[in-house]
Amino acid sequence: MQFVMSIVCSSMLGASLIFPQLALCNSHACKKVAVSTTAVITFVESTSTPAVLVPKKIEEKGNAEFTIHLNIRNAGSVTLTRLCIGTALSDYADQRTHPYIKVSEGAANLELTQNAGTGFGCVPTKINAGDLISLDAKLTDSADVLPMSGTLIVKGSGETTEDGNSSQSCTLETSAQTRGVAVLTVANARYARAPLVLCVLVLLSALIAAVFLQDRLSAPMGGPEWSFATSFATNLTFAGSVITLLTTSALVPEYTHLLTKQTYSAFCLLFASVAALAAPLYVCFSSPTATTLESGERAEIQYVGTVGLFLVTAALTVWAALGQLFTIALLFAEFVAKQYIAASNVWVVNSVLLVAGFGVCTYCFRMARFYIALHAPVGVPRAEMTLAIRKSAQLRWRVF
């Protein structure tokens, strides 16, 4: 992806052949100038590494806005009277894109004449020899084309005189200076809200279950225990988090389209943490109860919670599992966006993930109903509650 900016001036035509009305030169470009007369611009900051920009999304228009700060020095001997700024950017599908450019110097916006078809524009200015100018180039483009990468191109021109003819003015142009640019996906992408939406849906389901079980919410429930064979949702979350982290670091491109790589890693850590902390949180809010083994040899301390606390723990576990499955689906969508795999293959993957998600919901619902019926029978008299608590303490439920 190389962007070639060429300005061709002709004294006969008096116009630019490449960018009409945006040419850096007038009808008389300098043909010969004194050796000491130079037109040179340089970037003050290092250009060896690209500038990584995080855009801000404009919600009402669906566009993304990002700003790059430019410190430009006039390293020549000619006073520059015009700067032209262009871009050579490609979107996530390697298609050329031309964002709208707006230039400002401090609090003042500079009037920039831009060619919408090329994304190239010029702004009048005055930079004396040796002076430094700080500009903010604000670029706007559709958020759907992110991420973008490429170069920002800056070129200048100034007025001087022909060598040996002080009465004849001419325009002397600088060589183009480029700055690498990488624009990330917007931080508030619609997919980033998916975990919150899933959390609300799962908690709403738990609330509906609590309405039907309102006469049992305070009934005692035993403590949790983890099992490799039966803790399906928790194991799925842990395995999915590890696979997603490894895939993100090894296979996912550096600049992703749907979410940033950091967001994928954050999702994995979030869902794995929720799955790991669900059962300990149940224990934290439970009450210790002493039980005696059938042999009568020694007593054990068990933790007894309530049905309501059990429903919250189950909801957190289901949320973590569904959220991790959704993250895996987004990763495969990234592969399709970069054309690593065919879209038809993703339909197969999404079908498997949907079956897995349905299996998680069905499994957790059946097990929750079984454990509640086992631990919290209906109509236990208050006088027998202590005995019911001790009995429930001996019945532990498996983490989903």
Protein backbone atom coordinates (compact mmCIF):
# COMPACT_ATOMS: atom_id res chain seq x y z
CA MET A 1 0.00 0.00 0.00
CA GLN A 2 1.89 2.94 -1.20
CA PHE A 3 0.34 6.28 -1.86
CA VAL A 4 2.02 8.22 -4.64
CA MET A 5 1.47 11.96 -4.49
CA SER A 6 2.62 13.77 -7.56
CA ILE A 7 1.95 17.38 -8.55
CA VAL A 8 2.53 18.16 -12.19
CA CYS A 9 2.54 21.81 -13.15
CA SER A 10 2.61 23.24 -16.60
CA SER A 11 3.22 26.87 -17.51
CA MET A 12 0.98 26.35 -20.54
CA LEU A 13 -1.97 24.82 -18.72
CA GLY A 14 -1.48 26.67 -15.44
CA ALA A 15 -3.13 23.91 -13.39
CA SER A 16 -2.41 20.65 -11.64
CA LEU A 17 -3.13 17.45 -13.49
CA ILE A 18 -3.52 15.35 -10.34
CA PHE A 19 -5.39 17.48 -7.76
CA PRO A 20 -7.26 20.33 -9.44
CA GLN A 21 -7.34 23.50 -7.34
CA LEU A 22 -5.21 21.80 -4.68
CA ALA A 23 -1.83 22.06 -6.38
CA LEU A 24 1.11 23.11 -4.28
CA CYS A 25 2.60 24.99 -7.15
CA ASN A 26 1.46 27.94 -9.22
CA SER A 27 1.85 28.43 -12.97
CA HIS A 28 5.58 29.07 -12.53
CA ALA A 29 7.42 26.46 -10.52
CA CYS A 30 11.05 27.10 -9.73
CA LYS A 31 13.35 25.67 -12.36
CA LYS A 32 16.65 26.88 -10.94
CA VAL A 33 17.34 28.44 -7.56
CA ALA A 34 20.42 29.31 -5.59
CA VAL A 35 22.18 26.47 -3.80
CA SER A 36 21.45 28.09 -0.43
CA THR A 37 17.71 28.27 -1.20
CA THR A 38 15.97 25.14 0.09
CA ALA A 39 12.48 24.07 1.01
CA VAL A 40 12.50 21.26 3.58
CA ILE A 41 10.08 20.13 6.29
CA THR A 42 10.70 17.53 8.98
CA PHE A 43 8.71 15.89 11.75
CA VAL A 44 10.04 16.68 15.20
CA GLU A 45 8.76 13.40 16.67
CA SER A 46 10.18 10.03 15.67
CA THR A 47 8.59 8.44 12.62
CA SER A 48 10.25 5.04 12.97
CA THR A 49 7.15 3.55 14.63
CA PRO A 50 3.54 4.21 13.61
CA ALA A 51 1.31 6.41 15.72
CA VAL A 52 -1.35 4.17 17.30
CA LEU A 53 -4.60 6.12 17.60
CA VAL A 54 -7.73 5.28 19.59
CA PRO A 55 -10.76 6.87 17.89
CA LYS A 56 -13.85 8.37 19.46
CA LYS A 57 -17.15 7.24 18.03
CA ILE A 58 -19.78 9.78 16.92
CA GLU A 59 -22.92 7.84 17.84
CA GLU A 60 -25.50 9.83 15.88
CA LYS A 61 -23.64 9.50 12.58
CA GLY A 62 -21.93 6.13 12.99
CA ASN A 63 -18.54 7.72 12.31
CA ALA A 64 -15.25 7.54 14.16
CA GLU A 65 -13.08 10.57 14.85
CA PHE A 66 -9.39 10.43 15.64
CA THR A 67 -6.69 13.08 16.00
CA ILE A 68 -2.98 12.94 15.25
CA HIS A 69 -0.65 15.63 16.59
CA LEU A 70 1.96 16.91 14.14
CA ASN A 71 5.01 18.97 15.07
CA ILE A 72 6.47 20.22 11.77
CA ARG A 73 9.72 22.18 11.48
CA ASN A 74 10.71 24.30 8.51
CA ALA A 75 14.25 23.03 8.02
CA GLY A 76 14.81 24.98 4.79
CA SER A 77 15.57 28.61 4.00
CA VAL A 78 12.28 29.46 2.28
CA THR A 79 9.25 30.66 4.21
CA LEU A 80 6.49 28.12 3.68
CA THR A 81 3.10 29.55 2.82
CA ARG A 82 1.10 26.35 2.34
CA LEU A 83 0.91 22.86 3.77
CA CYS A 84 -0.88 19.97 2.15
CA ILE A 85 -1.98 16.88 4.07
CA GLY A 86 -3.07 13.59 2.55
CA THR A 87 -3.57 10.02 3.65
CA ALA A 88 -2.79 6.57 2.32
CA LEU A 89 -4.99 4.48 4.58
CA SER A 90 -6.55 1.05 4.12
CA ASP A 91 -9.35 -0.48 6.16
CA TYR A 92 -9.53 -3.93 7.80
CA ALA A 93 -10.29 -5.53 4.40
CA ASP A 94 -7.28 -3.78 2.75
CA GLN A 95 -9.57 -1.42 0.82
CA ARG A 96 -8.50 2.18 0.30
CA THR A 97 -10.38 4.72 2.41
CA HIS A 98 -10.24 8.52 2.38
CA PRO A 99 -11.23 10.07 5.71
CA TYR A 100 -12.33 13.69 5.96
CA ILE A 101 -9.52 15.89 7.31
CA LYS A 102 -9.85 18.93 9.55
CA VAL A 103 -6.73 20.84 10.64
CA SER A 104 -6.38 23.13 13.65
CA GLU A 105 -3.52 25.10 15.17
CA GLY A 106 -4.16 25.47 18.87
CA ALA A 107 -7.74 26.65 19.34
CA ALA A 108 -8.00 28.02 15.80
CA ASN A 109 -9.38 25.90 12.99
CA LEU A 110 -7.53 26.36 9.72
CA GLU A 111 -9.45 26.51 6.47
CA LEU A 112 -8.53 23.41 4.54
CA THR A 113 -9.55 22.88 0.92
CA GLN A 114 -10.01 19.16 0.52
CA ASN A 115 -10.59 16.92 -2.44
CA ALA A 116 -13.21 14.42 -1.25
CA GLY A 117 -12.20 11.87 -3.85
CA THR A 118 -8.57 11.67 -2.79
CA GLY A 119 -8.68 12.62 0.89
CA PHE A 120 -6.00 15.25 0.19
CA GLY A 121 -6.22 18.87 1.24
CA CYS A 122 -4.16 22.05 1.53
CA VAL A 123 -4.19 24.78 4.14
CA PRO A 124 -2.59 28.25 3.95
CA THR A 125 -0.04 28.97 6.66
CA LYS A 126 3.21 30.79 7.30
CA ILE A 127 6.26 29.01 8.67
CA ASN A 128 9.46 31.00 8.68
CA ALA A 129 12.80 29.25 8.18
CA GLY A 130 13.73 27.33 11.33
CA ASP A 131 10.31 27.78 12.93
CA LEU A 132 8.15 25.01 14.39
CA ILE A 133 4.39 24.64 13.96
CA SER A 134 2.12 22.32 15.94
CA LEU A 135 -0.98 21.12 14.16
CA ASP A 136 -3.82 18.77 15.05
CA ALA A 137 -5.10 16.78 12.10
CA LYS A 138 -8.57 15.48 12.97
CA LEU A 139 -9.75 12.70 10.65
CA THR A 140 -13.31 11.37 10.39
CA ASP A 141 -14.46 8.18 8.72
CA SER A 142 -17.08 5.47 9.10
CA ALA A 143 -16.63 3.35 12.22
CA ASP A 144 -17.44 0.25 10.17
CA VAL A 145 -14.14 0.42 8.26
CA LEU A 146 -11.95 0.29 11.37
CA PRO A 147 -9.23 -0.61 12.01
CA MET A 148 -7.22 1.41 9.50
CA SER A 149 -3.51 1.59 8.87
CA GLY A 150 -1.24 3.38 6.48
CA THR A 151 0.55 6.72 6.30
CA LEU A 152 -0.18 10.40 6.74
CA ILE A 153 1.54 12.53 4.09
CA VAL A 154 2.59 16.17 4.54
CA LYS A 155 4.10 18.43 1.90
CA GLY A 156 4.74 22.17 1.82
CA SER A 157 5.56 24.98 -0.57
CA GLY A 158 6.88 28.55 -0.42
CA GLU A 159 7.60 31.53 -2.63
CA THR A 160 11.12 32.43 -3.74
CA THR A 161 12.87 33.83 -6.83
CA GLU A 162 14.61 32.27 -9.79
CA ASP A 163 18.38 32.13 -9.59
CA GLY A 164 19.78 35.14 -11.47
CA ASN A 165 16.35 36.77 -11.87
CA SER A 166 15.30 38.41 -8.61
CA SER A 167 12.18 39.90 -10.21
CA GLN A 168 10.73 36.53 -11.19
CA SER A 169 8.97 34.77 -8.30
CA CYS A 170 8.36 31.06 -8.31
CA THR A 171 7.09 28.30 -6.06
CA LEU A 172 9.50 25.88 -4.43
CA GLU A 173 8.09 22.62 -3.08
CA THR A 174 9.31 20.37 -0.30
CA SER A 175 9.63 16.64 -0.58
CA ALA A 176 6.80 14.66 0.99
CA GLN A 177 7.16 13.58 4.61
CA THR A 178 5.23 10.52 5.81
CA ARG A 179 4.10 9.35 9.23
CA GLY A 180 2.87 5.81 9.87
CA VAL A 181 -0.61 5.63 11.39
CA ALA A 182 -2.62 2.75 12.90
CA VAL A 183 -6.21 3.44 13.99
CA LEU A 184 -7.73 0.92 16.37
CA THR A 185 -11.35 -0.16 16.60
CA VAL A 186 -13.50 2.24 18.61
CA ALA A 187 -13.48 1.44 22.32
CA ASN A 188 -17.27 1.64 22.69
CA ALA A 189 -18.07 -0.78 19.88
CA ARG A 190 -21.53 -2.32 20.04
CA TYR A 191 -20.05 -5.76 20.70
CA ALA A 192 -18.34 -4.50 23.85
CA ARG A 193 -21.76 -4.12 25.46
CA ALA A 194 -22.64 -7.78 24.87
CA PRO A 195 -21.43 -9.03 28.32
CA LEU A 196 -23.63 -6.46 30.04
CA VAL A 197 -26.64 -7.48 27.93
CA LEU A 198 -26.02 -11.15 28.71
CA CYS A 199 -25.69 -10.37 32.40
CA VAL A 200 -29.02 -8.53 32.43
CA LEU A 201 -30.79 -11.38 30.61
CA VAL A 202 -29.40 -14.06 32.93
CA LEU A 203 -30.17 -12.08 36.09
CA LEU A 204 -33.65 -11.41 34.76
CA SER A 205 -34.14 -15.15 34.32
CA ALA A 206 -32.93 -15.71 37.89
CA LEU A 207 -35.37 -13.04 39.09
CA ILE A 208 -38.26 -14.77 37.32
CA ALA A 209 -37.22 -18.06 38.96
CA ALA A 210 -37.13 -16.30 42.34
CA VAL A 211 -40.73 -15.14 41.84
CA PHE A 212 -41.88 -18.72 41.36
CA LEU A 213 -39.76 -19.88 44.32
CA GLN A 214 -40.55 -17.03 46.68
CA ASP A 215 -41.77 -19.44 49.37
CA ARG A 216 -38.41 -21.24 49.29
CA LEU A 217 -35.91 -18.40 48.91
CA SER A 218 -34.91 -18.49 52.58
CA ALA A 219 -34.81 -22.29 52.76
CA PRO A 220 -31.37 -23.77 53.61
CA MET A 221 -29.00 -25.06 50.94
CA GLY A 222 -25.78 -27.02 51.46
CA GLY A 223 -22.34 -25.94 50.34
CA PRO A 224 -20.88 -26.23 46.81
CA GLU A 225 -18.32 -28.70 45.53
CA TRP A 226 -16.54 -28.81 42.17
CA SER A 227 -16.43 -31.89 39.95
CA PHE A 228 -14.51 -32.33 36.73
CA ALA A 229 -17.20 -34.62 35.35
CA THR A 230 -20.34 -32.66 36.22
CA SER A 231 -19.26 -28.98 36.53
CA PHE A 232 -19.96 -28.51 32.83
CA ALA A 233 -20.50 -24.73 32.67
CA THR A 234 -17.48 -23.89 34.84
CA ASN A 235 -15.16 -26.24 32.95
CA LEU A 236 -16.40 -24.86 29.63
CA THR A 237 -15.67 -21.31 30.77
CA PHE A 238 -12.13 -22.12 31.92
CA ALA A 239 -11.29 -24.10 28.76
CA GLY A 240 -12.77 -21.39 26.51
CA SER A 241 -10.81 -18.66 28.30
CA VAL A 242 -7.50 -20.48 27.87
CA ILE A 243 -8.17 -21.24 24.20
CA THR A 244 -9.27 -17.66 23.51
CA LEU A 245 -6.20 -16.16 25.20
CA LEU A 246 -3.87 -18.42 23.22
CA THR A 247 -5.71 -17.72 19.96
CA THR A 248 -5.72 -13.97 20.56
CA SER A 249 -1.98 -13.84 21.11
CA ALA A 250 -1.02 -16.18 18.25
CA LEU A 251 -3.61 -16.00 15.46
CA VAL A 252 -5.66 -12.82 15.78
CA PRO A 253 -4.27 -9.88 13.72
CA GLU A 254 -2.70 -7.00 15.60
CA TYR A 255 -5.46 -4.57 14.63
CA THR A 256 -8.83 -6.26 14.94
CA HIS A 257 -12.17 -5.20 13.47
CA LEU A 258 -14.92 -6.01 15.98
CA LEU A 259 -13.09 -5.55 19.29
CA THR A 260 -9.52 -4.73 20.26
CA LYS A 261 -7.15 -7.52 21.27
CA GLN A 262 -7.07 -6.05 24.77
CA THR A 263 -10.87 -6.30 24.96
CA TYR A 264 -10.79 -9.98 24.01
CA SER A 265 -8.24 -10.66 26.73
CA ALA A 266 -10.28 -8.64 29.23
CA PHE A 267 -13.41 -10.66 28.39
CA CYS A 268 -11.53 -13.92 28.98
CA LEU A 269 -10.26 -12.74 32.36
CA LEU A 270 -13.71 -11.41 33.29
CA PHE A 271 -15.62 -14.61 32.54
CA ALA A 272 -12.96 -16.89 34.03
CA SER A 273 -12.94 -14.78 37.21
CA VAL A 274 -16.73 -14.83 37.48
CA ALA A 275 -16.80 -18.62 37.07
CA ALA A 276 -14.02 -19.08 39.62
CA LEU A 277 -15.54 -16.72 42.21
CA ALA A 278 -19.19 -17.80 41.96
CA ALA A 279 -18.89 -20.73 44.40
CA PRO A 280 -16.53 -18.96 46.86
CA LEU A 281 -18.95 -16.02 47.00
CA TYR A 282 -21.70 -18.46 47.97
CA VAL A 283 -19.51 -19.71 50.82
CA CYS A 284 -18.66 -16.14 51.91
CA PHE A 285 -22.32 -15.32 52.47
CA SER A 286 -23.18 -18.71 53.99
CA SER A 287 -23.35 -19.68 57.67
CA PRO A 288 -21.01 -22.32 59.16
CA THR A 289 -22.83 -25.28 60.66
CA ALA A 290 -21.39 -28.18 62.69
CA THR A 291 -22.31 -31.67 61.52
CA THR A 292 -21.46 -35.08 62.87
CA LEU A 293 -20.39 -37.99 60.74
CA GLU A 294 -22.47 -41.14 60.77
CA SER A 295 -19.69 -42.95 62.61
CA GLY A 296 -19.85 -40.32 65.33
CA GLU A 297 -16.08 -40.05 65.46
CA ARG A 298 -15.68 -36.34 64.69
CA ALA A 299 -17.59 -33.23 63.67
CA GLU A 300 -17.22 -31.31 60.42
CA ILE A 301 -17.90 -27.67 59.62
CA GLN A 302 -20.17 -27.22 56.62
CA TYR A 303 -21.51 -24.02 55.08
CA VAL A 304 -25.23 -23.53 54.67
CA GLY A 305 -26.67 -20.84 52.43
CA THR A 306 -30.14 -20.17 51.07
CA VAL A 307 -32.01 -20.90 47.88
CA GLY A 308 -31.85 -17.21 46.94
CA LEU A 309 -28.06 -17.20 47.30
CA PHE A 310 -27.91 -20.40 45.25
CA LEU A 311 -29.88 -18.75 42.41
CA VAL A 312 -27.43 -15.82 42.30
CA THR A 313 -24.47 -18.22 42.18
CA ALA A 314 -26.09 -20.25 39.40
CA ALA A 315 -26.84 -17.07 37.40
CA LEU A 316 -23.21 -15.92 37.61
CA THR A 317 -21.98 -19.31 36.42
CA VAL A 318 -24.38 -19.36 33.46
CA TRP A 319 -23.43 -15.78 32.55
CA ALA A 320 -19.72 -16.65 32.51
CA ALA A 321 -20.27 -19.68 30.27
CA LEU A 322 -22.52 -17.88 27.77
CA GLY A 323 -20.22 -14.85 27.69
CA GLN A 324 -17.23 -17.04 26.91
CA LEU A 325 -19.09 -18.77 24.08
CA PHE A 326 -20.01 -15.36 22.65
CA THR A 327 -16.36 -14.26 22.79
CA ILE A 328 -15.33 -17.35 20.81
CA ALA A 329 -17.98 -16.53 18.19
CA LEU A 330 -16.55 -13.01 17.84
CA LEU A 331 -13.05 -14.42 17.33
CA PHE A 332 -14.24 -16.50 14.40
CA ALA A 333 -16.01 -13.42 13.02
CA GLU A 334 -12.61 -11.67 13.09
CA PHE A 335 -11.17 -14.46 10.95
CA VAL A 336 -13.96 -13.98 8.42
CA ALA A 337 -13.42 -10.19 8.35
CA LYS A 338 -9.75 -10.74 7.48
CA GLN A 339 -10.73 -13.51 5.03
CA TYR A 340 -8.70 -16.12 6.89
CA ILE A 341 -11.60 -18.58 6.65
CA ALA A 342 -14.75 -18.79 4.57
CA ALA A 343 -18.02 -17.47 5.95
CA SER A 344 -19.66 -20.86 5.44
CA ASN A 345 -17.28 -22.41 7.97
CA VAL A 346 -18.34 -19.87 10.59
CA TRP A 347 -21.96 -20.97 10.25
CA VAL A 348 -20.86 -24.43 11.37
CA VAL A 349 -18.91 -23.01 14.31
CA ASN A 350 -21.78 -20.75 15.35
CA SER A 351 -24.18 -23.69 15.18
CA VAL A 352 -21.94 -25.68 17.53
CA LEU A 353 -21.68 -22.71 19.88
CA LEU A 354 -25.46 -22.25 19.88
CA VAL A 355 -25.94 -25.92 20.75
CA ALA A 356 -23.37 -25.58 23.52
CA GLY A 357 -25.10 -22.46 24.87
CA PHE A 358 -28.48 -24.18 24.80
CA GLY A 359 -26.93 -27.17 26.53
CA VAL A 360 -25.51 -24.95 29.28
CA CYS A 361 -28.88 -23.31 29.93
CA THR A 362 -30.77 -26.64 29.88
CA TYR A 363 -28.24 -28.42 32.11
CA CYS A 364 -28.10 -25.62 34.68
CA PHE A 365 -31.89 -25.30 34.78
CA ARG A 366 -32.43 -29.01 35.40
CA MET A 367 -29.69 -29.26 38.01
CA ALA A 368 -30.89 -26.14 39.81
CA ARG A 369 -34.43 -27.51 39.98
CA PHE A 370 -33.15 -30.85 41.27
CA TYR A 371 -30.93 -29.31 43.98
CA ILE A 372 -33.64 -26.94 45.19
CA ALA A 373 -36.16 -29.78 45.48
CA LEU A 374 -33.57 -31.92 47.29
CA HIS A 375 -32.39 -29.29 49.78
CA ALA A 376 -35.48 -27.17 50.31
CA PRO A 377 -38.67 -29.23 50.69
CA VAL A 378 -41.89 -27.27 50.89
CA GLY A 379 -43.72 -26.79 54.19
CA VAL A 380 -40.95 -27.38 56.76
CA PRO A 381 -42.28 -26.21 60.17
CA ARG A 382 -40.23 -23.59 61.98
CA ALA A 383 -39.71 -26.00 64.90
CA GLU A 384 -37.97 -28.43 62.55
CA MET A 385 -35.88 -25.77 60.76
CA THR A 386 -32.72 -26.48 62.77
CA LEU A 387 -32.92 -30.13 61.84
CA ALA A 388 -33.51 -29.19 58.19
CA ILE A 389 -30.45 -26.94 58.23
CA ARG A 390 -28.26 -29.70 59.62
CA LYS A 391 -29.62 -32.12 57.05
CA SER A 392 -29.00 -29.63 54.23
CA ALA A 393 -25.46 -29.06 55.45
CA GLN A 394 -24.70 -32.69 54.74
CA LEU A 395 -26.06 -32.41 51.18
CA ARG A 396 -23.60 -30.57 49.00
CA TRP A 397 -24.48 -29.42 45.49
CA ARG A 398 -22.15 -29.67 42.52
CA VAL A 399 -20.91 -26.46 40.94
CA PHE A 400 -22.49 -26.10 37.50
